[in-house]
Protein backbone atom coordinates (compact mmCIF):
# COMPACT_ATOMS: atom_id res chain seq x y z
CA MET A 1 16.81 43.41 -2.97
CA THR A 2 13.84 41.38 -2.49
CA LYS A 3 13.49 39.78 0.97
CA GLN A 4 15.07 36.28 1.51
CA HIS A 5 12.28 33.69 4.24
CA PHE A 6 13.28 29.98 4.86
CA HIS A 7 11.81 27.57 5.67
CA GLY A 8 13.00 25.23 7.67
CA SER A 9 14.17 22.51 5.04
CA ASP A 10 16.16 25.44 3.87
CA LEU A 11 19.46 25.11 4.89
CA GLU A 12 20.63 24.74 1.38
CA LYS A 13 19.90 27.56 0.39
CA ILE A 14 20.75 29.36 3.68
CA GLU A 15 24.30 28.29 3.63
CA ALA A 16 24.99 29.50 0.08
CA ILE A 17 23.40 32.63 0.68
CA TYR A 18 24.64 33.01 3.71
CA HIS A 19 28.26 30.85 3.95
CA ILE A 20 27.21 29.27 6.76
CA SER A 21 27.92 25.39 6.62
CA LYS A 22 24.92 23.88 7.76
CA GLU A 23 26.29 20.72 9.67
CA ASP A 24 26.83 24.34 11.96
CA ILE A 25 23.25 25.46 11.99
CA VAL A 26 21.07 25.40 15.22
CA ASN A 27 17.71 24.40 13.56
CA PHE A 28 15.27 26.26 14.97
CA ALA A 29 12.58 26.75 12.07
CA ALA A 30 12.27 22.80 11.30
CA ASN A 31 10.15 21.93 14.55
CA VAL A 32 12.29 18.39 15.13
CA ASN A 33 13.56 17.44 17.58
CA PRO A 34 16.01 17.40 19.23
CA ILE A 35 17.83 14.45 20.92
CA GLY A 36 17.61 13.39 17.07
CA ILE A 37 16.90 9.93 15.99
CA SER A 38 14.86 7.03 18.02
CA TYR A 39 17.68 5.31 20.15
CA ASP A 40 16.79 2.09 18.44
CA VAL A 41 16.56 2.52 15.73
CA ARG A 42 20.25 3.94 16.10
CA ASN A 43 21.19 0.38 17.02
CA GLU A 44 18.37 -1.33 15.46
CA LEU A 45 18.41 -0.19 11.96
CA PRO A 46 21.24 -1.47 9.90
CA LYS A 47 20.66 -5.60 11.42
CA HIS A 48 17.23 -5.34 8.68
CA ILE A 49 19.69 -4.08 6.03
CA ASP A 50 18.74 -6.90 4.23
CA ALA A 51 14.88 -5.52 3.58
CA ILE A 52 15.45 -3.91 0.63
CA THR A 53 15.97 -6.78 -0.61
CA SER A 54 12.59 -7.61 -0.74
CA TYR A 55 9.77 -5.31 -1.62
CA PRO A 56 7.72 -4.41 0.76
CA ASP A 57 4.64 -5.72 1.86
CA ARG A 58 1.58 -4.13 0.22
CA ASP A 59 -0.56 -4.06 2.74
CA TYR A 60 1.83 -3.23 5.37
CA THR A 61 0.24 -5.62 7.59
CA ALA A 62 2.48 -5.53 10.39
CA LEU A 63 3.48 -1.94 9.96
CA ARG A 64 -0.49 -0.88 10.63
CA LYS A 65 -0.37 -3.10 13.12
CA SER A 66 2.60 -1.07 15.43
CA ILE A 67 0.64 1.58 14.49
CA ALA A 68 -2.62 0.26 16.46
CA LYS A 69 -0.41 -0.28 19.51
CA TYR A 70 0.70 3.30 19.54
CA VAL A 71 -1.85 4.94 18.86
CA HIS A 72 -5.07 2.25 20.65
CA THR A 73 -6.97 2.32 17.55
CA SER A 74 -7.73 -0.88 15.09
CA PRO A 75 -5.58 -2.12 12.21
CA ASP A 76 -8.31 -1.84 10.12
CA HIS A 77 -8.63 2.49 10.98
CA ILE A 78 -4.65 2.82 9.69
CA LEU A 79 -3.65 4.29 6.25
CA VAL A 80 -0.28 4.90 5.44
CA GLY A 81 1.88 7.28 3.62
CA ASN A 82 4.38 9.05 1.71
CA GLY A 83 4.75 11.32 4.57
CA SER A 84 1.85 13.72 5.44
CA THR A 85 2.30 15.31 2.33
CA GLU A 86 1.37 12.84 0.76
CA LEU A 87 -2.23 11.87 3.08
CA ILE A 88 -3.03 15.10 2.72
CA SER A 89 -2.93 15.09 -1.18
CA LEU A 90 -5.22 11.64 -1.87
CA VAL A 91 -7.39 13.72 0.57
CA ALA A 92 -8.38 15.75 -1.69
CA GLN A 93 -8.41 14.06 -5.07
CA VAL A 94 -10.09 11.33 -3.75
CA MET A 95 -13.06 13.56 -1.65
CA HIS A 96 -12.15 16.61 -4.37
CA PRO A 97 -13.57 19.59 -1.80
CA HIS A 98 -14.68 22.23 -3.97
CA ASN A 99 -15.29 24.61 -0.79
CA ALA A 100 -12.89 23.44 1.89
CA LEU A 101 -12.41 26.24 5.16
CA ILE A 102 -8.99 26.14 6.84
CA LEU A 103 -8.57 27.57 10.10
CA GLY A 104 -5.90 29.62 9.23
CA PRO A 105 -3.02 31.24 10.57
CA THR A 106 -1.20 27.67 9.25
CA TYR A 107 0.79 25.03 7.51
CA SER A 108 0.30 26.40 3.78
CA GLU A 109 -0.20 22.50 2.15
CA TYR A 110 -3.73 22.12 2.96
CA GLU A 111 -4.40 25.06 0.88
CA HIS A 112 -1.77 24.35 -1.70
CA GLU A 113 -2.89 20.15 -2.25
CA ILE A 114 -6.69 21.11 -2.25
CA SER A 115 -5.93 23.29 -6.18
CA LEU A 116 -4.27 21.62 -7.15
CA CYS A 117 -7.63 19.36 -7.42
CA GLY A 118 -9.45 21.74 -8.01
CA GLY A 119 -11.20 23.69 -4.75
CA THR A 120 -11.47 26.24 -3.25
CA SER A 121 -10.23 27.53 0.66
CA HIS A 122 -10.89 29.90 2.77
CA TYR A 123 -9.99 30.57 5.56
CA PHE A 124 -11.85 31.37 9.11
CA HIS A 125 -9.49 33.24 11.59
CA LEU A 126 -7.58 32.37 14.00
CA GLN A 127 -7.73 35.48 16.28
CA GLU A 128 -5.07 37.06 17.58
CA GLU A 129 -7.26 39.47 20.23
CA GLN A 130 -7.62 35.61 22.29
CA ASP A 131 -4.38 34.13 21.34
CA PHE A 132 -5.55 32.22 18.60
CA VAL A 133 -8.15 30.49 20.17
CA LEU A 134 -10.83 29.55 18.01
CA ASP A 135 -14.75 31.10 18.75
CA LEU A 136 -16.60 28.19 18.81
CA LYS A 137 -19.63 29.67 17.64
CA ALA A 138 -17.90 32.25 15.20
CA LEU A 139 -16.65 28.87 13.62
CA GLN A 140 -20.21 26.76 13.70
CA SER A 141 -21.46 29.84 12.00
CA SER A 142 -19.19 29.63 9.17
CA LEU A 143 -19.59 26.58 7.79
CA ALA A 144 -22.38 26.23 5.81
CA GLY A 145 -22.22 25.05 2.12
CA VAL A 146 -18.40 23.26 3.43
CA ASP A 147 -17.24 20.26 2.44
CA LEU A 148 -14.20 19.98 4.68
CA LEU A 149 -13.00 20.79 7.38
CA VAL A 150 -9.37 21.52 8.03
CA ILE A 151 -7.87 22.11 11.33
CA CYS A 152 -4.45 21.77 12.66
CA ASN A 153 -4.08 20.69 15.94
CA PRO A 154 -1.38 22.12 17.79
CA ASN A 155 -1.95 24.22 14.95
CA ASN A 156 1.12 25.32 13.54
CA PRO A 157 3.05 28.59 14.08
CA THR A 158 0.09 29.51 16.56
CA SER A 159 1.10 26.30 19.16
CA SER A 160 -1.97 26.75 19.73
CA GLN A 161 -4.42 23.89 20.53
CA ILE A 162 -8.55 22.49 20.27
CA PRO A 163 -9.89 20.34 23.29
CA ARG A 164 -11.20 16.82 22.81
CA ASP A 165 -14.72 18.06 23.96
CA THR A 166 -15.04 20.73 21.03
CA MET A 167 -13.37 19.15 19.15
CA ARG A 168 -16.75 16.04 19.81
CA GLU A 169 -18.19 19.77 18.92
CA ILE A 170 -17.00 20.60 15.64
CA LEU A 171 -17.56 16.54 14.03
CA GLU A 172 -21.20 16.68 15.91
CA TYR A 173 -21.87 19.49 13.65
CA CYS A 174 -19.73 18.63 10.73
CA LYS A 175 -21.66 15.82 10.28
CA GLN A 176 -25.46 17.31 10.30
CA GLN A 177 -23.10 19.81 7.70
CA ASN A 178 -22.07 16.93 6.34
CA THR A 179 -18.26 18.13 5.96
CA TYR A 180 -15.57 15.63 6.95
CA VAL A 181 -12.75 17.69 9.53
CA MET A 182 -9.01 16.31 8.16
CA VAL A 183 -7.57 16.77 11.43
CA ASP A 184 -3.98 17.70 10.69
CA GLU A 185 -2.18 15.88 14.43
CA THR A 186 2.10 16.37 13.25
CA TYR A 187 2.53 18.16 16.82
CA VAL A 188 0.15 16.48 19.22
CA GLU A 189 2.70 14.12 21.01
CA PHE A 190 4.63 17.42 21.78
CA ALA A 191 1.67 18.46 24.24
CA PRO A 192 1.68 18.94 27.72
CA SER A 193 -1.11 16.19 27.86
CA ALA A 194 -1.63 14.40 24.00
CA SER A 195 -3.70 11.76 25.41
CA GLU A 196 -6.55 14.29 26.37
CA LEU A 197 -5.85 15.66 22.79
CA THR A 198 -6.04 13.91 20.21
CA SER A 199 -8.69 13.06 17.99
CA ILE A 200 -8.06 9.39 17.77
CA PRO A 201 -10.89 8.50 19.97
CA LEU A 202 -13.56 9.82 18.39
CA ALA A 203 -12.88 8.13 14.69
CA ASP A 204 -15.46 5.45 16.05
CA ASN A 205 -18.12 6.85 16.66
CA TYR A 206 -17.78 10.30 14.04
CA ASP A 207 -16.72 8.56 10.59
CA ASN A 208 -16.25 12.19 8.83
CA LEU A 209 -13.28 12.72 10.92
CA ILE A 210 -9.52 12.07 9.49
CA VAL A 211 -6.44 12.78 11.03
CA LEU A 212 -3.03 12.18 10.53
CA ARG A 213 0.35 12.04 12.19
CA GLY A 214 3.78 11.28 11.25
CA VAL A 215 7.29 10.56 12.40
CA SER A 216 8.45 13.99 10.34
CA LYS A 217 9.23 16.36 13.25
CA PHE A 218 8.37 13.96 17.54
CA PHE A 219 10.44 10.65 15.73
CA ALA A 220 12.39 13.40 13.85
CA SER A 221 12.66 11.55 10.79
CA PRO A 222 11.56 13.68 8.23
CA GLY A 223 14.05 11.90 5.22
CA LEU A 224 11.93 8.46 6.64
CA ARG A 225 8.42 10.04 4.49
CA LEU A 226 6.54 8.17 6.98
CA GLY A 227 3.51 8.58 7.42
CA TYR A 228 -0.07 6.93 8.40
CA CYS A 229 -3.76 8.50 9.31
CA ILE A 230 -6.62 7.81 10.69
CA CYS A 231 -10.29 7.29 10.13
CA SER A 232 -12.87 4.54 10.60
CA SER A 233 -14.85 5.11 7.29
CA GLN A 234 -14.16 1.88 5.42
CA ALA A 235 -14.78 3.38 2.47
CA LEU A 236 -12.93 5.96 2.37
CA LEU A 237 -10.01 4.75 3.86
CA GLN A 238 -10.45 2.06 -0.20
CA GLN A 239 -10.62 4.94 -2.69
CA CYS A 240 -7.72 6.60 -0.21
CA ASN A 241 -6.31 3.11 -0.87
CA GLU A 242 -7.00 2.63 -4.32
CA HIS A 243 -5.50 6.84 -5.43
CA LYS A 244 -2.58 5.57 -4.00
CA ASN A 245 0.00 4.33 -6.45
CA PRO A 246 2.11 0.93 -4.72
CA TRP A 247 4.37 0.58 -2.47
CA THR A 248 5.19 3.86 -1.15
CA ILE A 249 6.89 3.21 2.12
CA ASN A 250 9.34 1.85 1.40
CA SER A 251 10.96 -0.90 3.70
CA LEU A 252 13.81 0.63 5.54
CA ALA A 253 10.93 3.38 6.62
CA VAL A 254 8.47 -0.24 7.26
CA GLU A 255 11.10 -1.46 10.18
CA ALA A 256 12.01 1.63 11.14
CA GLY A 257 8.43 2.61 11.76
CA GLU A 258 8.03 0.03 13.57
CA ILE A 259 11.06 0.12 16.09
CA MET A 260 10.96 3.45 16.33
CA LEU A 261 7.15 3.39 18.10
CA ARG A 262 7.87 0.78 20.87
CA ASP A 263 10.87 3.00 22.13
CA THR A 264 9.63 3.94 25.20
CA ALA A 265 12.63 5.76 26.89
CA TYR A 266 12.93 7.89 22.97
CA ILE A 267 9.21 8.89 24.20
CA LYS A 268 9.75 9.54 27.84
CA ASP A 269 13.28 11.82 27.51
CA THR A 270 11.62 13.65 24.18
CA TYR A 271 8.43 14.17 26.41
CA GLU A 272 10.21 15.80 28.95
CA LEU A 273 13.37 18.03 27.53
CA ILE A 274 10.37 19.16 25.20
CA ASP A 275 8.13 20.14 28.67
CA SER A 276 10.22 21.13 30.90
CA GLU A 277 12.50 23.95 28.25
CA ARG A 278 8.55 24.76 26.98
CA THR A 279 8.02 25.98 30.93
CA ARG A 280 11.34 27.02 31.32
CA ILE A 281 11.45 29.01 28.12
CA CYS A 282 7.71 30.92 28.64
CA HIS A 283 9.16 32.36 32.90
CA ILE A 284 12.23 33.98 31.08
CA LEU A 285 9.44 35.42 28.76
CA ASP A 286 7.38 36.46 31.59
CA GLU A 287 10.00 38.19 32.54
CA HIS A 288 10.07 40.14 29.55
CA ALA A 289 6.25 41.13 28.98
CA ASP A 290 6.84 44.98 27.83
CA LYS A 291 9.04 44.44 24.62
CA ILE A 292 7.51 40.58 23.45
CA LYS A 293 4.01 39.25 23.76
CA TYR A 294 4.41 35.47 23.81
CA TYR A 295 1.53 33.08 22.63
CA PRO A 296 0.50 29.63 25.22
CA PRO A 297 2.45 26.53 23.05
CA SER A 298 0.89 23.71 23.57
CA ALA A 299 3.32 22.25 20.48
CA ASN A 300 7.36 21.93 20.88
CA PHE A 301 7.50 24.96 18.78
CA ILE A 302 6.12 29.15 20.19
CA LEU A 303 5.06 32.50 18.61
CA LEU A 304 6.29 35.50 19.58
CA ARG A 305 5.05 39.31 18.71
CA LEU A 306 7.54 42.02 19.00
CA ILE A 307 5.69 44.82 20.49
CA ASN A 308 7.00 48.09 21.35
CA THR A 309 9.17 48.57 18.44
CA THR A 310 10.85 48.90 14.90
CA VAL A 311 12.51 45.78 15.70
CA THR A 312 11.27 42.91 12.85
CA ALA A 313 11.07 39.29 12.20
CA GLN A 314 13.88 40.11 9.33
CA ASP A 315 15.81 41.67 11.96
CA VAL A 316 16.13 38.99 14.73
CA PHE A 317 16.63 36.28 11.40
CA GLU A 318 19.30 38.33 10.23
CA GLN A 319 21.25 38.77 13.78
CA ALA A 320 20.37 34.86 14.40
CA ILE A 321 21.72 33.66 11.75
CA GLN A 322 25.14 34.71 11.76
CA LYS A 323 24.94 32.61 15.18
CA GLY A 324 24.31 30.16 13.66
CA LEU A 325 20.79 30.25 15.17
CA MET A 326 17.72 30.00 12.27
CA ILE A 327 14.42 30.95 13.69
CA ARG A 328 11.61 30.77 11.89
CA ASP A 329 10.30 34.61 11.00
CA CYS A 330 5.48 34.14 10.41
CA SER A 331 5.15 37.19 7.79
CA THR A 332 3.99 34.83 5.25
CA PHE A 333 2.16 33.13 7.36
CA PRO A 334 -1.66 34.14 6.73
CA TYR A 335 -3.27 37.55 9.33
CA LEU A 336 1.05 37.51 10.10
CA ASP A 337 3.45 39.85 10.08
CA ASP A 338 6.93 40.85 10.13
CA SER A 339 6.35 41.42 13.55
CA PHE A 340 6.06 37.22 14.24
CA LEU A 341 8.45 34.76 14.36
CA ARG A 342 8.57 31.33 15.98
CA PHE A 343 10.87 28.72 17.48
CA CYS A 344 10.42 25.75 18.65
CA PHE A 345 12.48 24.14 21.42
CA MET A 346 15.72 22.83 21.27
CA LYS A 347 18.68 21.48 23.93
CA PRO A 348 18.52 23.99 27.21
CA GLU A 349 22.34 24.99 25.68
CA ASP A 350 20.83 25.68 22.47
CA ASN A 351 18.02 27.93 23.72
CA ASP A 352 19.70 30.40 26.40
CA ARG A 353 22.25 30.52 22.96
CA LEU A 354 19.05 31.93 20.98
CA LEU A 355 17.32 33.96 23.73
CA GLU A 356 20.93 35.60 24.67
CA VAL A 357 19.81 36.73 20.98
CA LEU A 358 16.68 37.83 21.21
CA PHE A 359 17.15 39.72 23.74
CA ALA A 360 20.10 41.23 22.15
CA CYS A 361 18.20 42.67 19.60
CA LEU A 362 15.67 44.09 20.76
CA GLN A 363 17.73 46.92 23.54
């Protein structure tokens, strides 16, 4: 029987194979905010239903102003898209990178979109022995001939991070090499010190920087398909705008985006829940260091390696899904094998259920 691998969005496949209703699955694999959608969006968006009777503003002026206020940059530096995936694709189409370097293990869509545009990708291997923390000098020595460097920060699936001072050194070095740097900050808002980690403040001084963000994970809105990027290169933004289709964001997504970005109560509650559960779960895992190694998490998920055991990530997946709990077997990521698994932080009672299954597997 062929081994099945599931992405966090594969609930219909899970439903068909395991005969579990997708509504009954607690999805630890999708890395989505367990609080659900923004309080204000839930209350206010229905009042804006008439927005669908009109085309969105082609330039998305009000939305870009809302995003600019949220991330503390100029609206002129913002391009919006149909999720960050469209923006990754646009950057690849415009830049046509012949030799891209991707920090890995990481999200597969970067390599996929670059290959669709005829480019070639190579991986810079983040080392497990170093807890997947970047070796800056080793990276710099690998950048010769690279026209696009792709970094996920915090990284998926390792949950490791690159501090802003290090990112500044990377950008300075890459500028001398005529290398663009694309930084995917999908998970940065979950980080303990997001305002100190984000690379957005560097965009003003480095026009070779492209920062990607979206609302899928932090704002629990993957179905909304709303992403944005920040870049100070007007030439690059203009090229992207020329390549993209008009109105890729629908009118309701525009309204929802403007509402959620100013929902301060929701943002505060999310940060506090994730920070509390991240700390609590790490303390619990510390008590099982003979069987589990975890890598210090900066995002809303944690990567584990099962040690000194014959149990695999697939075994844990099978036991968990029977309880309606879906984790991620990470053996499909570059450089990871079947001893690695990832799960995101959900509500405390759900996290406790998952840990109970995990520890039962390792007895």
